C-alpha atoms as a PDB file:
ATOM      1  CA  MET A   1      35.213 -52.086 -16.421  1.00  0.00           C
ATOM      2  CA  SER A   2      36.489 -51.416 -19.712  1.00  0.00           C
ATOM      3  CA  ASP A   3      39.477 -49.167 -20.481  1.00  0.00           C
ATOM      4  CA  LEU A   4      38.419 -45.783 -21.564  1.00  0.00           C
ATOM      5  CA  HIS A   5      40.554 -46.417 -25.009  1.00  0.00           C
ATOM      6  CA  ASP A   6      37.828 -48.901 -25.529  1.00  0.00           C
ATOM      7  CA  VAL A   7      35.316 -46.018 -26.396  1.00  0.00           C
ATOM      8  CA  VAL A   8      37.647 -43.197 -27.584  1.00  0.00           C
ATOM      9  CA  PRO A   9      36.708 -42.343 -31.214  1.00  0.00           C
ATOM     10  CA  VAL A  10      39.375 -42.382 -33.830  1.00  0.00           C
ATOM     11  CA  ALA A  11      40.653 -39.144 -34.756  1.00  0.00           C
ATOM     12  CA  PRO A  12      39.943 -37.754 -38.164  1.00  0.00           C
ATOM     13  CA  PRO A  13      42.374 -38.927 -40.808  1.00  0.00           C
ATOM     14  CA  ASP A  14      45.353 -36.520 -41.812  1.00  0.00           C
ATOM     15  CA  LEU A  15      44.061 -35.899 -45.082  1.00  0.00           C
ATOM     16  CA  ASP A  16      47.461 -33.942 -46.020  1.00  0.00           C
ATOM     17  CA  ALA A  17      49.656 -36.914 -45.002  1.00  0.00           C
ATOM     18  CA  ALA A  18      47.361 -39.196 -47.106  1.00  0.00           C
ATOM     19  CA  THR A  19      47.547 -37.284 -50.137  1.00  0.00           C
ATOM     20  CA  THR A  20      51.563 -37.257 -49.529  1.00  0.00           C
ATOM     21  CA  MET A  21      51.403 -41.005 -49.086  1.00  0.00           C
ATOM     22  CA  TRP A  22      49.107 -41.519 -52.353  1.00  0.00           C
ATOM     23  CA  THR A  23      51.505 -39.393 -54.242  1.00  0.00           C
ATOM     24  CA  ASP A  24      54.632 -41.733 -53.261  1.00  0.00           C
ATOM     25  CA  TYR A  25      52.665 -44.525 -54.150  1.00  0.00           C
ATOM     26  CA  THR A  26      51.534 -43.520 -57.620  1.00  0.00           C
ATOM     27  CA  SER A  27      54.743 -42.203 -58.540  1.00  0.00           C
ATOM     28  CA  THR A  28      56.490 -45.486 -58.248  1.00  0.00           C
ATOM     29  CA  ARG A  29      53.584 -47.745 -59.435  1.00  0.00           C
ATOM     30  CA  PRO A  30      51.394 -45.746 -61.763  1.00  0.00           C
ATOM     31  CA  ARG A  31      50.474 -49.075 -63.816  1.00  0.00           C
ATOM     32  CA  GLU A  32      48.840 -50.531 -60.668  1.00  0.00           C
ATOM     33  CA  ILE A  33      46.648 -47.513 -60.046  1.00  0.00           C
ATOM     34  CA  GLY A  34      44.332 -47.873 -63.273  1.00  0.00           C
ATOM     35  CA  ASP A  35      41.346 -45.597 -63.015  1.00  0.00           C
ATOM     36  CA  TYR A  36      40.923 -45.863 -59.255  1.00  0.00           C
ATOM     37  CA  ASP A  37      40.925 -43.155 -56.780  1.00  0.00           C
ATOM     38  CA  TYR A  38      41.164 -44.146 -53.037  1.00  0.00           C
ATOM     39  CA  THR A  39      39.418 -43.524 -49.843  1.00  0.00           C
ATOM     40  CA  VAL A  40      41.097 -42.791 -46.483  1.00  0.00           C
ATOM     41  CA  GLU A  41      39.772 -44.728 -43.525  1.00  0.00           C
ATOM     42  CA  HIS A  42      40.445 -46.848 -40.537  1.00  0.00           C
ATOM     43  CA  PHE A  43      39.669 -50.165 -39.295  1.00  0.00           C
ATOM     44  CA  GLY A  44      36.802 -50.337 -36.471  1.00  0.00           C
ATOM     45  CA  ASP A  45      34.875 -48.002 -34.681  1.00  0.00           C
ATOM     46  CA  THR A  46      37.184 -47.133 -31.686  1.00  0.00           C
ATOM     47  CA  ALA A  47      40.828 -46.008 -31.002  1.00  0.00           C
ATOM     48  CA  ARG A  48      41.646 -49.463 -29.445  1.00  0.00           C
ATOM     49  CA  LEU A  49      39.878 -51.517 -32.250  1.00  0.00           C
ATOM     50  CA  ALA A  50      41.543 -49.377 -34.984  1.00  0.00           C
ATOM     51  CA  ASP A  51      44.991 -49.817 -33.583  1.00  0.00           C
ATOM     52  CA  GLU A  52      44.735 -53.401 -32.799  1.00  0.00           C
ATOM     53  CA  LEU A  53      43.142 -54.381 -36.393  1.00  0.00           C
ATOM     54  CA  LEU A  54      45.997 -52.427 -38.030  1.00  0.00           C
ATOM     55  CA  ARG A  55      48.643 -54.030 -35.872  1.00  0.00           C
ATOM     56  CA  ILE A  56      47.213 -57.372 -37.082  1.00  0.00           C
ATOM     57  CA  VAL A  57      47.430 -56.284 -40.978  1.00  0.00           C
ATOM     58  CA  LEU A  58      50.839 -54.900 -40.334  1.00  0.00           C
ATOM     59  CA  SER A  59      51.975 -58.270 -38.821  1.00  0.00           C
ATOM     60  CA  GLY A  60      50.554 -59.983 -41.939  1.00  0.00           C
ATOM     61  CA  GLY A  61      47.758 -61.761 -40.096  1.00  0.00           C
ATOM     62  CA  LYS A  62      44.944 -59.898 -41.515  1.00  0.00           C
ATOM     63  CA  ARG A  63      44.208 -59.753 -45.491  1.00  0.00           C
ATOM     64  CA  ALA A  64      40.410 -59.678 -45.262  1.00  0.00           C
ATOM     65  CA  THR A  65      37.866 -57.285 -43.925  1.00  0.00           C
ATOM     66  CA  ALA A  66      33.931 -57.067 -43.811  1.00  0.00           C
ATOM     67  CA  GLU A  67      31.698 -54.035 -43.639  1.00  0.00           C
ATOM     68  CA  LEU A  68      27.825 -53.528 -44.065  1.00  0.00           C
ATOM     69  CA  VAL A  69      26.607 -52.285 -47.153  1.00  0.00           C
ATOM     70  CA  SER A  70      24.414 -49.967 -45.183  1.00  0.00           C
ATOM     71  CA  GLU A  71      27.513 -48.446 -43.584  1.00  0.00           C
ATOM     72  CA  PHE A  72      28.924 -47.403 -47.094  1.00  0.00           C
ATOM     73  CA  ALA A  73      25.544 -45.936 -48.244  1.00  0.00           C
ATOM     74  CA  HIS A  74      25.297 -44.071 -44.893  1.00  0.00           C
ATOM     75  CA  ARG A  75      28.647 -42.397 -45.227  1.00  0.00           C
ATOM     76  CA  GLY A  76      27.973 -41.572 -49.001  1.00  0.00           C
ATOM     77  CA  ASP A  77      30.673 -43.664 -50.167  1.00  0.00           C
ATOM     78  CA  PRO A  78      30.721 -46.033 -53.038  1.00  0.00           C
ATOM     79  CA  LEU A  79      31.282 -49.873 -52.558  1.00  0.00           C
ATOM     80  CA  PRO A  80      34.857 -51.055 -53.102  1.00  0.00           C
ATOM     81  CA  ARG A  81      35.585 -52.479 -56.531  1.00  0.00           C
ATOM     82  CA  ILE A  82      38.539 -55.119 -57.222  1.00  0.00           C
ATOM     83  CA  GLY A  83      41.799 -52.812 -57.688  1.00  0.00           C
ATOM     84  CA  SER A  84      40.436 -49.990 -55.431  1.00  0.00           C
ATOM     85  CA  HIS A  85      42.550 -48.663 -53.047  1.00  0.00           C
ATOM     86  CA  TRP A  86      42.071 -47.406 -49.480  1.00  0.00           C
ATOM     87  CA  ILE A  87      44.790 -45.565 -47.116  1.00  0.00           C
ATOM     88  CA  ALA A  88      44.495 -47.120 -43.646  1.00  0.00           C
ATOM     89  CA  CYS A  89      45.177 -44.851 -40.809  1.00  0.00           C
ATOM     90  CA  ASP A  90      45.742 -45.412 -37.066  1.00  0.00           C
ATOM     91  CA  SER A  91      43.859 -44.369 -34.192  1.00  0.00           C
ATOM     92  CA  SER A  92      45.498 -40.917 -34.231  1.00  0.00           C
ATOM     93  CA  GLY A  93      44.634 -40.436 -38.173  1.00  0.00           C
ATOM     94  CA  THR A  94      48.195 -40.869 -39.378  1.00  0.00           C
ATOM     95  CA  PRO A  95      47.906 -42.775 -42.727  1.00  0.00           C
ATOM     96  CA  ARG A  96      50.104 -46.033 -41.979  1.00  0.00           C
ATOM     97  CA  ILE A  97      49.407 -48.191 -45.285  1.00  0.00           C
ATOM     98  CA  ILE A  98      47.683 -48.418 -48.611  1.00  0.00           C
ATOM     99  CA  ILE A  99      45.435 -51.534 -49.228  1.00  0.00           C
ATOM    100  CA  ARG A 100      44.296 -52.716 -52.468  1.00  0.00           C
ATOM    101  CA  SER A 101      41.061 -54.787 -53.019  1.00  0.00           C
ATOM    102  CA  THR A 102      41.821 -58.164 -54.539  1.00  0.00           C
ATOM    103  CA  ALA A 103      38.583 -60.179 -54.075  1.00  0.00           C
ATOM    104  CA  LEU A 104      34.969 -58.707 -53.185  1.00  0.00           C
ATOM    105  CA  ARG A 105      31.684 -60.341 -52.948  1.00  0.00           C
ATOM    106  CA  VAL A 106      28.400 -59.056 -51.022  1.00  0.00           C
ATOM    107  CA  GLY A 107      26.510 -61.734 -49.065  1.00  0.00           C
ATOM    108  CA  ARG A 108      24.605 -62.154 -45.766  1.00  0.00           C
ATOM    109  CA  PHE A 109      25.903 -62.785 -42.319  1.00  0.00           C
ATOM    110  CA  ASP A 110      25.252 -66.702 -42.766  1.00  0.00           C
ATOM    111  CA  SER A 111      27.401 -66.748 -45.836  1.00  0.00           C
ATOM    112  CA  ALA A 112      30.747 -65.971 -44.101  1.00  0.00           C
ATOM    113  CA  ASP A 113      32.932 -69.117 -44.028  1.00  0.00           C
ATOM    114  CA  ALA A 114      35.919 -70.396 -42.020  1.00  0.00           C
ATOM    115  CA  ALA A 115      38.376 -69.420 -44.830  1.00  0.00           C
ATOM    116  CA  PHE A 116      37.123 -65.949 -44.537  1.00  0.00           C
ATOM    117  CA  ALA A 117      37.069 -65.827 -40.794  1.00  0.00           C
ATOM    118  CA  ALA A 118      40.842 -67.027 -40.913  1.00  0.00           C
ATOM    119  CA  ALA A 119      41.826 -64.306 -43.346  1.00  0.00           C
ATOM    120  CA  GLU A 120      40.344 -61.735 -41.345  1.00  0.00           C
ATOM    121  CA  GLY A 121      42.835 -62.782 -38.737  1.00  0.00           C
ATOM    122  CA  GLU A 122      40.970 -61.641 -35.616  1.00  0.00           C
ATOM    123  CA  ASP A 123      40.436 -63.206 -32.258  1.00  0.00           C
ATOM    124  CA  ASP A 124      41.204 -66.913 -32.742  1.00  0.00           C
ATOM    125  CA  ARG A 125      40.634 -66.947 -36.382  1.00  0.00           C
ATOM    126  CA  SER A 126      37.387 -69.299 -35.950  1.00  0.00           C
ATOM    127  CA  LEU A 127      34.211 -68.714 -38.003  1.00  0.00           C
ATOM    128  CA  GLU A 128      32.421 -69.069 -34.360  1.00  0.00           C
ATOM    129  CA  SER A 129      34.666 -66.033 -33.024  1.00  0.00           C
ATOM    130  CA  TRP A 130      34.109 -64.319 -36.267  1.00  0.00           C
ATOM    131  CA  ARG A 131      30.082 -64.345 -36.007  1.00  0.00           C
ATOM    132  CA  ARG A 132      30.230 -63.483 -32.312  1.00  0.00           C
ATOM    133  CA  GLU A 133      32.398 -60.536 -32.711  1.00  0.00           C
ATOM    134  CA  HIS A 134      30.974 -59.110 -35.871  1.00  0.00           C
ATOM    135  CA  ARG A 135      27.700 -59.544 -34.341  1.00  0.00           C
ATOM    136  CA  ARG A 136      28.766 -57.279 -31.620  1.00  0.00           C
ATOM    137  CA  TYR A 137      30.391 -54.965 -33.732  1.00  0.00           C
ATOM    138  CA  TRP A 138      27.565 -54.423 -36.131  1.00  0.00           C
ATOM    139  CA  GLU A 139      25.049 -54.265 -33.435  1.00  0.00           C
ATOM    140  CA  ARG A 140      26.886 -51.413 -31.907  1.00  0.00           C
ATOM    141  CA  THR A 141      27.771 -49.388 -35.044  1.00  0.00           C
ATOM    142  CA  CYS A 142      24.154 -49.800 -36.393  1.00  0.00           C
ATOM    143  CA  ALA A 143      22.874 -48.280 -32.984  1.00  0.00           C
ATOM    144  CA  ALA A 144      25.259 -45.608 -33.122  1.00  0.00           C
ATOM    145  CA  ARG A 145      23.501 -44.397 -36.457  1.00  0.00           C
ATOM    146  CA  GLY A 146      20.053 -45.147 -35.318  1.00  0.00           C
ATOM    147  CA  ALA A 147      19.619 -48.373 -37.203  1.00  0.00           C
ATOM    148  CA  VAL A 148      19.019 -51.953 -35.965  1.00  0.00           C
ATOM    149  CA  TRP A 149      21.537 -54.610 -37.364  1.00  0.00           C
ATOM    150  CA  SER A 150      19.865 -57.930 -38.840  1.00  0.00           C
ATOM    151  CA  ASP A 151      21.777 -60.940 -39.891  1.00  0.00           C
ATOM    152  CA  ARG A 152      20.039 -60.427 -43.306  1.00  0.00           C
ATOM    153  CA  ASP A 153      21.815 -57.204 -44.055  1.00  0.00           C
ATOM    154  CA  GLU A 154      24.185 -57.227 -46.719  1.00  0.00           C
ATOM    155  CA  ILE A 155      27.779 -57.380 -45.928  1.00  0.00           C
ATOM    156  CA  VAL A 156      30.748 -56.676 -48.281  1.00  0.00           C
ATOM    157  CA  PHE A 157      33.343 -59.367 -47.941  1.00  0.00           C
ATOM    158  CA  GLU A 158      36.574 -58.046 -48.896  1.00  0.00           C
ATOM    159  CA  TYR A 159      40.235 -59.588 -49.521  1.00  0.00           C
ATOM    160  CA  PHE A 160      42.981 -57.284 -49.827  1.00  0.00           C
ATOM    161  CA  SER A 161      46.700 -57.011 -50.255  1.00  0.00           C
ATOM    162  CA  VAL A 162      48.961 -54.439 -48.770  1.00  0.00           C
ATOM    163  CA  VAL A 163      50.669 -52.276 -51.311  1.00  0.00           C
ATOM    164  CA  TRP A 164      52.446 -49.505 -49.903  1.00  0.00           C
ATOM    165  CA  PRO A 165      54.802 -48.530 -48.216  1.00  0.00           C
ATOM    166  CA  PRO A 166      57.414 -51.196 -49.483  1.00  0.00           C
ATOM    167  CA  GLU A 167      58.297 -52.436 -45.914  1.00  0.00           C
ATOM    168  CA  HIS A 168      54.809 -53.620 -45.494  1.00  0.00           C
ATOM    169  CA  ALA A 169      53.865 -54.672 -48.938  1.00  0.00           C
ATOM    170  CA  ASP A 170      52.789 -57.901 -49.711  1.00  0.00           C
END
């Protein structure tokens, strides 16, 4: 039987705290901002996953992420651009870090490679586990919004760096 934390949704982000974090970042690094705004999000779709993936980022083991293009469209969010930022929150909605996109590409499920799987830093970091866990994840998240996942769906493959706060920055 799964732990209750496996199905607990993530709390809404604390937007006031995110604004404060963004202001602190931009006041010390105005040249890095460019003409980009930011989004406020979390990793994963459950409290447990959000905290686990954030923990891997904070430990330095995760510097890539993947999301379906259709998820961005469903939320009404633009696709990320190189140089765009997002504030990653923990499961309680507390902003923890600011991430900046460093490389992006859109491709299908079968275009993921071993280097990307390793950069995502999840499970055993293998391409096999990446495919197994992402297939499971996208089947679940698509079903939750009334869609059906296909391995032909477009995916945003994103590499990132952690830029704020200084104690976590790359």
